[in-house]
Amino acid sequence: MKGIFVFIVGFWLSATALVAQDNAAITGVIGDQLQAFNDRDVAAAWSYASPNIKRLFGNEGNFAAMVQQGYPMVWDNADVRFLDLRDVAGFVWQKVMIRDAQGALHLLDYQMIETADGWQINGVTLLPAPDVGA
């Protein structure tokens, strides 16, 4: 009985460590891409996009234009807070609160996939604005 308990605790600790590693890697990728957009380093920002995103947009220029026009809060982000990381139907989603250059808050959901090159961004969804009270 003691052996089973030790196995379960060991498995739980191992799983917890993997989740923490994935969480750090995922927030690192998103944070690095956001910084790349602020630095206008489109090539670096493009490198964090998944193969699906790269196929969809074809090149860095198309990708940059889409972000600049469709996600201006990502293109010019002033503050970033990582919220919950979750698995939804087998997909990994990282919720992120971004303050844009004008001070407005935006809530986004980043779909992440693990590839041979590590974690990459597979899509971003703009969520309803968060309620912020005084």
C-alpha atoms as a PDB file:
ATOM      1  CA  MET A   1       0.000   0.000   0.000  1.00  0.00           C
ATOM      2  CA  LYS A   2       2.836   2.379   0.874  1.00  0.00           C
ATOM      3  CA  GLY A   3       4.424   1.697  -2.532  1.00  0.00           C
ATOM      4  CA  ILE A   4       1.235   2.740  -4.343  1.00  0.00           C
ATOM      5  CA  PHE A   5       1.042   5.957  -2.310  1.00  0.00           C
ATOM      6  CA  VAL A   6       4.695   6.771  -3.091  1.00  0.00           C
ATOM      7  CA  PHE A   7       4.054   6.077  -6.800  1.00  0.00           C
ATOM      8  CA  ILE A   8       0.978   8.337  -6.852  1.00  0.00           C
ATOM      9  CA  VAL A   9       2.769  11.164  -5.050  1.00  0.00           C
ATOM     10  CA  GLY A  10       5.784  10.781  -7.356  1.00  0.00           C
ATOM     11  CA  PHE A  11       3.577  10.815 -10.442  1.00  0.00           C
ATOM     12  CA  TRP A  12       1.701  13.902  -9.181  1.00  0.00           C
ATOM     13  CA  LEU A  13       4.951  15.766  -8.446  1.00  0.00           C
ATOM     14  CA  SER A  14       6.317  14.835 -11.855  1.00  0.00           C
ATOM     15  CA  ALA A  15       3.125  15.995 -13.607  1.00  0.00           C
ATOM     16  CA  THR A  16       3.130  19.235 -11.602  1.00  0.00           C
ATOM     17  CA  ALA A  17       6.732  19.940 -12.643  1.00  0.00           C
ATOM     18  CA  LEU A  18       5.877  19.329 -16.319  1.00  0.00           C
ATOM     19  CA  VAL A  19       2.887  21.685 -16.131  1.00  0.00           C
ATOM     20  CA  ALA A  20       5.091  24.371 -14.557  1.00  0.00           C
ATOM     21  CA  GLN A  21       7.707  23.893 -17.313  1.00  0.00           C
ATOM     22  CA  ASP A  22       5.038  24.095 -20.028  1.00  0.00           C
ATOM     23  CA  ASN A  23       3.493  27.159 -18.384  1.00  0.00           C
ATOM     24  CA  ALA A  24       6.859  28.949 -18.291  1.00  0.00           C
ATOM     25  CA  ALA A  25       7.605  27.970 -21.902  1.00  0.00           C
ATOM     26  CA  ILE A  26       4.174  29.087 -23.126  1.00  0.00           C
ATOM     27  CA  THR A  27       4.237  32.445 -21.355  1.00  0.00           C
ATOM     28  CA  GLY A  28       7.800  32.898 -22.587  1.00  0.00           C
ATOM     29  CA  VAL A  29       6.790  32.387 -26.225  1.00  0.00           C
ATOM     30  CA  ILE A  30       3.825  34.765 -25.999  1.00  0.00           C
ATOM     31  CA  GLY A  31       5.815  37.370 -24.077  1.00  0.00           C
ATOM     32  CA  ASP A  32       8.706  37.174 -26.529  1.00  0.00           C
ATOM     33  CA  GLN A  33       6.370  37.587 -29.502  1.00  0.00           C
ATOM     34  CA  LEU A  34       4.687  40.591 -27.882  1.00  0.00           C
ATOM     35  CA  GLN A  35       8.094  42.159 -27.256  1.00  0.00           C
ATOM     36  CA  ALA A  36       9.082  41.455 -30.857  1.00  0.00           C
ATOM     37  CA  PHE A  37       5.995  43.345 -32.056  1.00  0.00           C
ATOM     38  CA  ASN A  38       6.886  46.293 -29.804  1.00  0.00           C
ATOM     39  CA  ASP A  39      10.421  46.204 -31.233  1.00  0.00           C
ATOM     40  CA  ARG A  40       8.950  45.959 -34.775  1.00  0.00           C
ATOM     41  CA  ASP A  41      11.023  42.804 -35.242  1.00  0.00           C
ATOM     42  CA  VAL A  42       8.514  41.083 -37.503  1.00  0.00           C
ATOM     43  CA  ALA A  43      10.908  38.226 -38.323  1.00  0.00           C
ATOM     44  CA  ALA A  44      11.202  37.344 -34.642  1.00  0.00           C
ATOM     45  CA  ALA A  45       7.437  37.639 -34.105  1.00  0.00           C
ATOM     46  CA  TRP A  46       6.858  35.404 -37.140  1.00  0.00           C
ATOM     47  CA  SER A  47       9.191  32.757 -35.670  1.00  0.00           C
ATOM     48  CA  TYR A  48       6.730  32.135 -32.804  1.00  0.00           C
ATOM     49  CA  ALA A  49       3.855  31.394 -35.187  1.00  0.00           C
ATOM     50  CA  SER A  50       2.837  27.788 -35.765  1.00  0.00           C
ATOM     51  CA  PRO A  51       3.189  26.085 -39.141  1.00  0.00           C
ATOM     52  CA  ASN A  52      -0.602  26.502 -39.597  1.00  0.00           C
ATOM     53  CA  ILE A  53      -0.355  30.275 -39.142  1.00  0.00           C
ATOM     54  CA  LYS A  54       2.631  30.420 -41.491  1.00  0.00           C
ATOM     55  CA  ARG A  55       0.703  28.510 -44.165  1.00  0.00           C
ATOM     56  CA  LEU A  56      -2.323  30.750 -43.691  1.00  0.00           C
ATOM     57  CA  PHE A  57      -0.436  34.064 -44.099  1.00  0.00           C
ATOM     58  CA  GLY A  58       2.394  32.917 -46.340  1.00  0.00           C
ATOM     59  CA  ASN A  59       5.019  35.449 -45.273  1.00  0.00           C
ATOM     60  CA  GLU A  60       6.089  37.852 -42.545  1.00  0.00           C
ATOM     61  CA  GLY A  61       4.660  40.912 -44.282  1.00  0.00           C
ATOM     62  CA  ASN A  62       1.137  39.505 -44.558  1.00  0.00           C
ATOM     63  CA  PHE A  63       1.333  38.346 -40.955  1.00  0.00           C
ATOM     64  CA  ALA A  64       2.509  41.767 -39.721  1.00  0.00           C
ATOM     65  CA  ALA A  65      -0.265  43.547 -41.647  1.00  0.00           C
ATOM     66  CA  MET A  66      -2.899  41.247 -40.142  1.00  0.00           C
ATOM     67  CA  VAL A  67      -1.640  41.838 -36.598  1.00  0.00           C
ATOM     68  CA  GLN A  68      -1.309  45.583 -37.070  1.00  0.00           C
ATOM     69  CA  GLN A  69      -4.839  45.910 -38.497  1.00  0.00           C
ATOM     70  CA  GLY A  70      -6.679  43.154 -36.619  1.00  0.00           C
ATOM     71  CA  TYR A  71      -4.889  43.162 -33.276  1.00  0.00           C
ATOM     72  CA  PRO A  72      -3.564  46.689 -32.668  1.00  0.00           C
ATOM     73  CA  MET A  73      -3.346  45.966 -28.924  1.00  0.00           C
ATOM     74  CA  VAL A  74      -0.841  43.219 -29.722  1.00  0.00           C
ATOM     75  CA  TRP A  75       1.095  45.368 -32.203  1.00  0.00           C
ATOM     76  CA  ASP A  76       1.449  48.162 -29.594  1.00  0.00           C
ATOM     77  CA  ASN A  77       1.214  46.506 -26.197  1.00  0.00           C
ATOM     78  CA  ALA A  78       2.119  48.369 -23.038  1.00  0.00           C
ATOM     79  CA  ASP A  79       1.491  45.821 -20.267  1.00  0.00           C
ATOM     80  CA  VAL A  80       0.883  42.077 -20.294  1.00  0.00           C
ATOM     81  CA  ARG A  81      -0.564  39.812 -17.614  1.00  0.00           C
ATOM     82  CA  PHE A  82      -0.821  36.072 -18.007  1.00  0.00           C
ATOM     83  CA  LEU A  83      -4.003  34.626 -16.576  1.00  0.00           C
ATOM     84  CA  ASP A  84      -5.133  31.007 -16.662  1.00  0.00           C
ATOM     85  CA  LEU A  85      -3.621  28.267 -18.776  1.00  0.00           C
ATOM     86  CA  ARG A  86      -6.095  25.527 -19.579  1.00  0.00           C
ATOM     87  CA  ASP A  87      -6.830  22.511 -21.704  1.00  0.00           C
ATOM     88  CA  VAL A  88     -10.094  22.740 -23.639  1.00  0.00           C
ATOM     89  CA  ALA A  89     -11.024  19.604 -25.581  1.00  0.00           C
ATOM     90  CA  GLY A  90      -7.363  18.705 -26.018  1.00  0.00           C
ATOM     91  CA  PHE A  91      -6.240  22.207 -27.008  1.00  0.00           C
ATOM     92  CA  VAL A  92      -4.007  24.361 -24.808  1.00  0.00           C
ATOM     93  CA  TRP A  93      -5.236  27.931 -24.287  1.00  0.00           C
ATOM     94  CA  GLN A  94      -3.443  30.756 -22.463  1.00  0.00           C
ATOM     95  CA  LYS A  95      -5.579  33.707 -21.422  1.00  0.00           C
ATOM     96  CA  VAL A  96      -3.695  37.030 -21.556  1.00  0.00           C
ATOM     97  CA  MET A  97      -4.709  40.528 -20.475  1.00  0.00           C
ATOM     98  CA  ILE A  98      -3.019  43.242 -22.528  1.00  0.00           C
ATOM     99  CA  ARG A  99      -3.022  46.974 -21.934  1.00  0.00           C
ATOM    100  CA  ASP A 100      -2.641  48.827 -25.214  1.00  0.00           C
ATOM    101  CA  ALA A 101      -0.626  51.991 -25.821  1.00  0.00           C
ATOM    102  CA  GLN A 102      -3.692  54.139 -25.019  1.00  0.00           C
ATOM    103  CA  GLY A 103      -4.272  52.383 -21.675  1.00  0.00           C
ATOM    104  CA  ALA A 104      -7.298  50.237 -22.611  1.00  0.00           C
ATOM    105  CA  LEU A 105      -7.442  46.637 -21.386  1.00  0.00           C
ATOM    106  CA  HIS A 106      -8.010  43.720 -23.760  1.00  0.00           C
ATOM    107  CA  LEU A 107      -8.489  40.042 -23.017  1.00  0.00           C
ATOM    108  CA  LEU A 108      -7.112  37.538 -25.513  1.00  0.00           C
ATOM    109  CA  ASP A 109      -6.942  33.768 -25.680  1.00  0.00           C
ATOM    110  CA  TYR A 110      -3.853  32.257 -27.296  1.00  0.00           C
ATOM    111  CA  GLN A 111      -4.108  28.736 -28.669  1.00  0.00           C
ATOM    112  CA  MET A 112      -0.755  27.024 -28.257  1.00  0.00           C
ATOM    113  CA  ILE A 113       0.615  23.899 -29.890  1.00  0.00           C
ATOM    114  CA  GLU A 114       3.754  21.976 -29.102  1.00  0.00           C
ATOM    115  CA  THR A 115       5.881  21.327 -32.172  1.00  0.00           C
ATOM    116  CA  ALA A 116       9.336  19.888 -32.777  1.00  0.00           C
ATOM    117  CA  ASP A 117      10.548  23.501 -32.353  1.00  0.00           C
ATOM    118  CA  GLY A 118       8.802  23.878 -28.975  1.00  0.00           C
ATOM    119  CA  TRP A 119       5.598  25.733 -28.122  1.00  0.00           C
ATOM    120  CA  GLN A 120       4.184  27.944 -30.865  1.00  0.00           C
ATOM    121  CA  ILE A 121       1.176  30.237 -31.231  1.00  0.00           C
ATOM    122  CA  ASN A 122      -1.563  28.616 -33.306  1.00  0.00           C
ATOM    123  CA  GLY A 123      -4.160  31.366 -33.096  1.00  0.00           C
ATOM    124  CA  VAL A 124      -5.451  34.280 -31.037  1.00  0.00           C
ATOM    125  CA  THR A 125      -9.029  35.074 -30.115  1.00  0.00           C
ATOM    126  CA  LEU A 126     -10.145  38.447 -28.813  1.00  0.00           C
ATOM    127  CA  LEU A 127     -12.471  37.925 -25.850  1.00  0.00           C
ATOM    128  CA  PRO A 128     -15.101  40.300 -24.467  1.00  0.00           C
ATOM    129  CA  ALA A 129     -13.558  43.215 -22.567  1.00  0.00           C
ATOM    130  CA  PRO A 130     -12.920  42.497 -18.890  1.00  0.00           C
ATOM    131  CA  ASP A 131     -15.005  44.268 -16.268  1.00  0.00           C
ATOM    132  CA  VAL A 132     -12.700  46.594 -14.400  1.00  0.00           C
ATOM    133  CA  GLY A 133     -14.062  48.300 -11.320  1.00  0.00           C
ATOM    134  CA  ALA A 134     -12.712  51.235  -9.396  1.00  0.00           C
END
